[in-house]
N, C-alpha and C. Protein backbone atom coordinates (compact mmCIF):
# COMPACT_ATOMS: atom_id res chain seq x y z
N MET A 1 0.88 -1.12 0.00
CA MET A 1 0.03 0.01 -0.01
C MET A 1 0.82 1.21 -0.04
N ARG A 2 1.97 1.24 0.74
CA ARG A 2 2.87 2.39 0.82
C ARG A 2 3.60 2.60 -0.48
N THR A 3 3.87 1.44 -1.24
CA THR A 3 4.50 1.55 -2.43
C THR A 3 3.57 2.25 -3.51
N ILE A 4 2.33 1.87 -3.52
CA ILE A 4 1.34 2.49 -4.47
C ILE A 4 1.21 4.01 -4.08
N GLY A 5 1.13 4.30 -2.88
CA GLY A 5 0.93 5.79 -2.52
C GLY A 5 2.25 6.49 -2.95
N LEU A 6 3.44 6.01 -2.76
CA LEU A 6 4.63 6.66 -3.10
C LEU A 6 4.72 6.79 -4.66
N CYS A 7 4.39 5.73 -5.40
CA CYS A 7 4.36 5.88 -6.89
C CYS A 7 3.34 6.95 -7.38
N LEU A 8 2.18 7.07 -6.74
CA LEU A 8 1.27 8.11 -7.21
C LEU A 8 1.88 9.49 -6.84
N LEU A 9 2.43 9.61 -5.69
CA LEU A 9 3.03 10.93 -5.35
C LEU A 9 4.22 11.35 -6.29
N VAL A 10 5.15 10.37 -6.67
CA VAL A 10 6.11 10.69 -7.55
C VAL A 10 5.60 11.02 -8.95
N ALA A 11 4.61 10.24 -9.52
CA ALA A 11 4.03 10.41 -10.64
C ALA A 11 3.34 11.84 -10.70
N GLY A 12 2.66 12.23 -9.77
CA GLY A 12 2.03 13.47 -9.64
C GLY A 12 3.01 14.77 -9.64
N ALA A 13 4.08 14.40 -8.98
CA ALA A 13 5.14 15.58 -9.01
C ALA A 13 5.90 15.62 -10.34
N ILE A 14 6.07 14.57 -11.00
CA ILE A 14 6.63 14.65 -12.32
C ILE A 14 5.73 15.28 -13.32
N GLY A 15 4.46 15.09 -13.18
CA GLY A 15 3.43 15.47 -14.20
C GLY A 15 3.04 16.97 -14.00
N CYS A 16 3.48 17.65 -12.89
CA CYS A 16 3.09 19.03 -12.70
C CYS A 16 4.10 19.91 -13.56
N ALA A 17 3.47 20.87 -14.25
CA ALA A 17 4.27 21.80 -15.00
C ALA A 17 4.56 22.93 -14.14
N SER A 18 5.70 23.69 -14.44
CA SER A 18 6.05 24.80 -13.61
C SER A 18 5.32 26.05 -14.16
N SER A 19 5.38 27.19 -13.47
CA SER A 19 4.72 28.45 -14.07
C SER A 19 5.31 28.74 -15.34
N THR A 20 6.68 28.66 -15.50
CA THR A 20 7.34 28.95 -16.73
C THR A 20 6.94 28.15 -17.92
N GLU A 21 6.79 26.85 -17.61
CA GLU A 21 6.28 25.90 -18.73
C GLU A 21 4.78 26.42 -19.11
N LEU A 22 3.99 26.56 -18.17
CA LEU A 22 2.57 27.02 -18.47
C LEU A 22 2.51 28.43 -19.23
N GLU A 23 3.48 29.29 -18.89
CA GLU A 23 3.55 30.49 -19.57
C GLU A 23 4.05 30.43 -20.98
N ASP A 24 4.92 29.50 -21.22
CA ASP A 24 5.32 29.23 -22.60
C ASP A 24 4.26 28.57 -23.46
N LYS A 25 3.61 27.79 -22.82
CA LYS A 25 2.39 27.11 -23.49
C LYS A 25 1.28 28.22 -23.82
N SER A 26 1.08 29.10 -22.92
CA SER A 26 0.26 30.25 -23.11
C SER A 26 0.69 31.10 -24.27
N ARG A 27 1.95 31.28 -24.37
CA ARG A 27 2.43 32.12 -25.41
C ARG A 27 2.38 31.50 -26.72
N VAL A 28 2.46 30.17 -26.81
CA VAL A 28 2.31 29.37 -28.03
C VAL A 28 0.83 29.57 -28.46
N HIS A 29 0.00 29.40 -27.68
CA HIS A 29 -1.50 29.45 -27.97
C HIS A 29 -1.81 30.92 -28.47
N SER A 30 -1.22 31.85 -27.76
CA SER A 30 -1.42 33.23 -28.28
C SER A 30 -0.94 33.58 -29.70
N LEU A 31 0.23 32.97 -29.92
CA LEU A 31 0.79 32.93 -31.32
C LEU A 31 -0.12 32.32 -32.28
N ARG A 32 -0.62 31.17 -32.01
CA ARG A 32 -1.61 30.47 -32.80
C ARG A 32 -2.82 31.24 -33.00
N ALA A 33 -3.24 31.93 -32.00
CA ALA A 33 -4.41 32.77 -32.20
C ALA A 33 -4.22 34.01 -33.14
N ASP A 34 -3.05 34.55 -32.97
CA ASP A 34 -2.67 35.54 -34.00
C ASP A 34 -2.64 35.15 -35.38
N ALA A 35 -2.07 33.96 -35.61
CA ALA A 35 -2.01 33.40 -37.01
C ALA A 35 -3.31 32.99 -37.48
N ALA A 36 -4.17 32.52 -36.73
CA ALA A 36 -5.46 32.22 -37.24
C ALA A 36 -6.35 33.45 -37.49
N ALA A 37 -6.10 34.51 -36.68
CA ALA A 37 -6.89 35.76 -37.01
C ALA A 37 -6.33 36.33 -38.29
N SER A 38 -5.09 36.29 -38.55
CA SER A 38 -4.50 36.82 -39.65
C SER A 38 -4.99 36.15 -40.97
N ALA A 39 -5.38 34.80 -40.74
CA ALA A 39 -5.86 33.94 -41.78
C ALA A 39 -7.41 34.01 -41.85
N ARG A 40 -7.96 34.91 -41.08
CA ARG A 40 -9.45 35.30 -40.97
C ARG A 40 -10.25 33.90 -40.53
N ASP A 41 -9.61 33.08 -39.73
CA ASP A 41 -10.32 32.04 -39.07
C ASP A 41 -10.53 32.37 -37.57
N TYR A 42 -11.56 33.09 -37.49
CA TYR A 42 -11.83 33.74 -36.11
C TYR A 42 -12.38 32.81 -35.10
N GLN A 43 -13.05 31.69 -35.51
CA GLN A 43 -13.37 30.75 -34.47
C GLN A 43 -12.18 30.07 -33.80
N VAL A 44 -11.22 29.62 -34.60
CA VAL A 44 -9.92 29.08 -34.11
C VAL A 44 -9.27 30.08 -33.33
N ALA A 45 -9.27 31.29 -33.79
CA ALA A 45 -8.48 32.35 -33.04
C ALA A 45 -9.12 32.63 -31.64
N ALA A 46 -10.35 32.54 -31.62
CA ALA A 46 -11.13 32.71 -30.28
C ALA A 46 -10.76 31.52 -29.32
N ARG A 47 -10.72 30.33 -29.87
CA ARG A 47 -10.50 29.17 -29.07
C ARG A 47 -8.99 29.22 -28.55
N GLU A 48 -8.12 29.63 -29.50
CA GLU A 48 -6.67 29.55 -29.06
C GLU A 48 -6.56 30.64 -28.01
N GLN A 49 -7.19 31.88 -28.28
CA GLN A 49 -7.03 32.97 -27.27
C GLN A 49 -7.52 32.58 -26.00
N GLU A 50 -8.71 31.88 -25.85
CA GLU A 50 -9.21 31.53 -24.68
C GLU A 50 -8.27 30.41 -23.99
N LYS A 51 -7.72 29.62 -24.70
CA LYS A 51 -6.74 28.45 -24.04
C LYS A 51 -5.41 29.37 -23.49
N ALA A 52 -5.01 30.35 -24.29
CA ALA A 52 -4.01 31.13 -23.80
C ALA A 52 -4.23 31.80 -22.43
N ARG A 53 -5.47 32.48 -22.43
CA ARG A 53 -5.87 33.16 -21.18
C ARG A 53 -5.82 32.19 -20.03
N GLU A 54 -6.57 30.93 -20.28
CA GLU A 54 -6.64 30.02 -19.27
C GLU A 54 -5.23 29.49 -18.74
N LEU A 55 -4.32 29.17 -19.69
CA LEU A 55 -3.00 28.78 -19.21
C LEU A 55 -2.26 30.00 -18.50
N HIS A 56 -2.43 31.23 -18.96
CA HIS A 56 -1.82 32.21 -18.33
C HIS A 56 -2.31 32.41 -16.82
N ALA A 57 -3.57 32.28 -16.64
CA ALA A 57 -4.15 32.26 -15.43
C ALA A 57 -3.60 31.30 -14.40
N LYS A 58 -3.43 30.06 -14.97
CA LYS A 58 -2.81 28.92 -14.26
C LYS A 58 -1.35 29.28 -13.94
N ALA A 59 -0.61 29.83 -14.91
CA ALA A 59 0.72 30.16 -14.61
C ALA A 59 1.05 31.21 -13.50
N VAL A 60 0.03 32.24 -13.56
CA VAL A 60 0.16 33.20 -12.47
C VAL A 60 -0.27 32.61 -11.03
N ASN A 61 -1.19 31.75 -10.96
CA ASN A 61 -1.40 30.99 -9.75
C ASN A 61 -0.20 30.16 -9.29
N LYS A 62 0.17 29.44 -10.28
CA LYS A 62 1.41 28.61 -9.96
C LYS A 62 2.71 29.37 -9.52
N ALA A 63 2.80 30.54 -10.20
CA ALA A 63 4.05 31.37 -9.81
C ALA A 63 4.01 31.87 -8.46
N TYR A 64 2.64 32.21 -8.07
CA TYR A 64 2.47 32.73 -6.67
C TYR A 64 2.63 31.67 -5.63
N LYS A 65 2.27 30.50 -5.97
CA LYS A 65 2.54 29.31 -5.22
C LYS A 65 4.02 28.98 -5.03
N GLU A 66 4.74 29.30 -6.14
CA GLU A 66 6.25 28.97 -6.10
C GLU A 66 6.91 30.12 -5.49
N GLY A 67 6.24 31.26 -5.25
CA GLY A 67 6.91 32.42 -4.70
C GLY A 67 7.66 33.20 -5.65
N ARG A 68 7.34 33.13 -6.93
CA ARG A 68 7.95 33.78 -7.97
C ARG A 68 6.96 34.83 -8.75
N THR A 69 6.65 35.83 -8.12
CA THR A 69 5.64 36.74 -8.57
C THR A 69 6.15 37.72 -9.73
N ILE A 70 7.39 37.93 -9.73
CA ILE A 70 7.96 38.90 -10.75
C ILE A 70 8.17 38.24 -12.02
N ASP A 71 8.32 36.83 -12.05
CA ASP A 71 8.76 36.11 -13.29
C ASP A 71 7.74 36.01 -14.34
N VAL A 72 6.35 36.16 -13.94
CA VAL A 72 5.41 35.95 -14.84
C VAL A 72 5.00 37.22 -15.65
N THR A 73 5.12 37.16 -17.02
CA THR A 73 4.81 38.31 -17.80
C THR A 73 3.42 38.23 -18.30
N VAL A 74 2.66 39.46 -18.28
CA VAL A 74 1.40 39.47 -18.89
C VAL A 74 1.59 39.38 -20.38
N PRO A 75 0.63 38.69 -21.07
CA PRO A 75 0.73 38.41 -22.50
C PRO A 75 0.74 39.81 -23.36
N ALA A 76 0.21 40.88 -22.80
CA ALA A 76 0.20 42.15 -23.50
C ALA A 76 1.72 42.79 -23.44
N ASP A 77 2.56 42.37 -22.38
CA ASP A 77 3.73 42.85 -22.10
C ASP A 77 4.81 42.16 -23.11
N VAL A 78 4.42 41.03 -23.71
CA VAL A 78 5.31 40.32 -24.67
C VAL A 78 5.11 41.07 -25.98
N PRO A 79 6.31 41.50 -26.42
CA PRO A 79 6.34 42.07 -27.81
C PRO A 79 5.91 41.15 -28.93
N ALA A 80 5.13 41.65 -29.88
CA ALA A 80 4.69 40.93 -30.92
C ALA A 80 5.93 40.64 -31.90
N THR A 81 5.98 39.40 -32.57
CA THR A 81 6.97 39.25 -33.47
C THR A 81 6.77 40.01 -34.75
N PRO A 82 7.82 40.62 -35.37
CA PRO A 82 7.46 41.32 -36.63
C PRO A 82 7.15 40.45 -37.81
N THR A 83 6.22 40.83 -38.48
CA THR A 83 5.81 40.01 -39.69
C THR A 83 6.58 40.55 -40.99
N PRO A 84 7.08 39.65 -41.74
CA PRO A 84 7.74 40.08 -42.95
C PRO A 84 6.99 40.84 -43.89
């Protein structure tokens, strides 16, 4: 019984993403939303933007729990990539 509990605890710790990883995923979804909007696929853009907001909120909460409040950037603070 103790072995099963220990395995579950280790598996849970390994599966948890840090706030930085969540913020990176949020940034990817934000970029996908921008690409979909530029292709005029507004439904996909809205879904990707919602996912980006959700992941950013999780990253902020996780950063506070980790004690790193300064490290999380707001998506509006991230400069947009220049388009050719």
